Protein backbone atom coordinates (compact mmCIF):
# COMPACT_ATOMS: atom_id res chain seq x y z
CA MET A 1 -20.10 -47.81 -83.20
CA PRO A 2 -22.11 -47.41 -79.76
CA TRP A 3 -20.30 -47.99 -76.64
CA PHE A 4 -21.22 -49.61 -73.68
CA LYS A 5 -19.62 -47.57 -70.67
CA VAL A 6 -18.95 -49.32 -67.23
CA ASP A 7 -17.58 -46.64 -64.70
CA ASP A 8 -14.75 -48.44 -62.75
CA THR A 9 -16.78 -48.21 -59.10
CA PHE A 10 -19.61 -50.03 -60.64
CA PRO A 11 -18.54 -53.02 -58.54
CA SER A 12 -18.80 -51.31 -54.82
CA HIS A 13 -22.04 -48.79 -55.99
CA PRO A 14 -24.39 -49.78 -53.23
CA LYS A 15 -27.09 -50.70 -55.66
CA VAL A 16 -24.30 -53.82 -56.83
CA ARG A 17 -23.38 -54.55 -53.40
CA SER A 18 -27.49 -54.74 -51.89
CA ILE A 19 -27.12 -58.17 -54.79
CA PRO A 20 -26.71 -60.93 -52.44
CA ARG A 21 -23.31 -62.51 -52.99
CA LYS A 22 -24.50 -66.11 -54.01
CA ALA A 23 -26.40 -64.21 -57.01
CA ARG A 24 -24.07 -61.40 -57.69
CA MET A 25 -22.15 -62.41 -60.45
CA ALA A 26 -24.35 -64.24 -62.26
CA ALA A 27 -26.68 -61.19 -62.39
CA LEU A 28 -23.34 -58.66 -63.21
CA GLY A 29 -23.06 -60.74 -66.30
CA VAL A 30 -26.27 -60.34 -67.49
CA TRP A 31 -26.47 -57.13 -66.89
CA LEU A 32 -23.00 -56.41 -68.94
CA ALA A 33 -24.10 -58.98 -71.73
CA CYS A 34 -27.35 -57.34 -71.97
CA GLY A 35 -26.33 -54.33 -71.61
CA THR A 36 -23.77 -54.76 -74.39
CA TRP A 37 -26.58 -56.48 -76.73
CA SER A 38 -28.80 -53.11 -75.59
CA SER A 39 -25.44 -51.22 -77.25
CA HIS A 40 -25.44 -52.71 -80.23
CA HIS A 41 -28.77 -53.08 -81.43
CA LEU A 42 -29.30 -49.32 -80.33
CA THR A 43 -32.62 -50.19 -78.15
CA ASP A 44 -31.87 -47.24 -76.08
CA GLY A 45 -31.81 -49.96 -72.70
CA ALA A 46 -34.74 -51.86 -73.43
CA ILE A 47 -34.10 -55.35 -73.08
CA PRO A 48 -37.13 -58.19 -73.99
CA ARG A 49 -37.27 -60.55 -71.53
CA ASP A 50 -36.47 -63.51 -73.96
CA VAL A 51 -32.91 -61.83 -74.48
CA VAL A 52 -31.70 -62.32 -71.23
CA GLU A 53 -31.95 -65.95 -71.98
CA ASP A 54 -30.99 -65.68 -75.66
CA GLU A 55 -27.72 -64.15 -73.18
CA GLY A 56 -27.48 -67.07 -71.36
CA GLY A 57 -28.70 -65.20 -68.22
CA ARG A 58 -32.40 -66.32 -66.54
CA GLN A 59 -35.37 -64.28 -65.53
CA VAL A 60 -33.91 -64.78 -61.85
CA ASP A 61 -30.82 -62.85 -62.44
CA ALA A 62 -32.68 -60.00 -63.93
CA LYS A 63 -35.57 -59.43 -61.19
CA ALA A 64 -32.17 -59.81 -59.30
CA LEU A 65 -31.34 -56.44 -61.28
CA VAL A 66 -34.85 -55.28 -60.70
CA VAL A 67 -34.55 -56.26 -57.37
CA ALA A 68 -31.25 -53.81 -56.55
CA ARG A 69 -32.93 -51.18 -58.90
CA LEU A 70 -30.62 -51.32 -61.88
CA TRP A 71 -33.49 -52.56 -64.19
CA HIS A 72 -36.79 -51.23 -64.67
CA GLU A 73 -40.02 -53.37 -65.84
CA SER A 74 -43.11 -52.22 -67.24
CA GLY A 75 -45.34 -50.82 -64.87
CA HIS A 76 -42.31 -48.94 -62.46
CA GLU A 77 -43.14 -45.90 -61.35
CA CYS A 78 -40.00 -43.89 -61.43
CA PRO A 79 -40.47 -40.23 -63.24
CA SER A 80 -36.71 -39.71 -64.63
CA CYS A 81 -36.66 -42.70 -67.52
CA PRO A 82 -39.37 -43.84 -69.93
CA GLN A 83 -41.48 -47.07 -69.31
CA PRO A 84 -40.55 -50.06 -71.58
CA GLU A 85 -42.59 -51.88 -73.67
CA PRO A 86 -44.56 -54.81 -71.77
CA GLY A 87 -42.50 -57.74 -71.48
CA GLU A 88 -39.15 -55.97 -71.50
CA TYR A 89 -37.04 -54.74 -69.16
CA LEU A 90 -35.23 -50.72 -69.09
């Protein structure tokens, strides 16, 4: 059984703090719900866009995670991680 581990300093990380206060808790709820979904389904971090809404989130929350660099979209230029499939987040 996989685990989705979260560091106890996560809420104070600069990437998290970069999300505007009014949007932060909703975005972090999406991050947590989708992270546990990915762990349960063994997707290595890949999150299909429809899962965001299926887990109770909104696309605006997912975009906030992308802007904060906590998630990536397909077509990103990060050399240290795989490219998600079109229509997915990583």
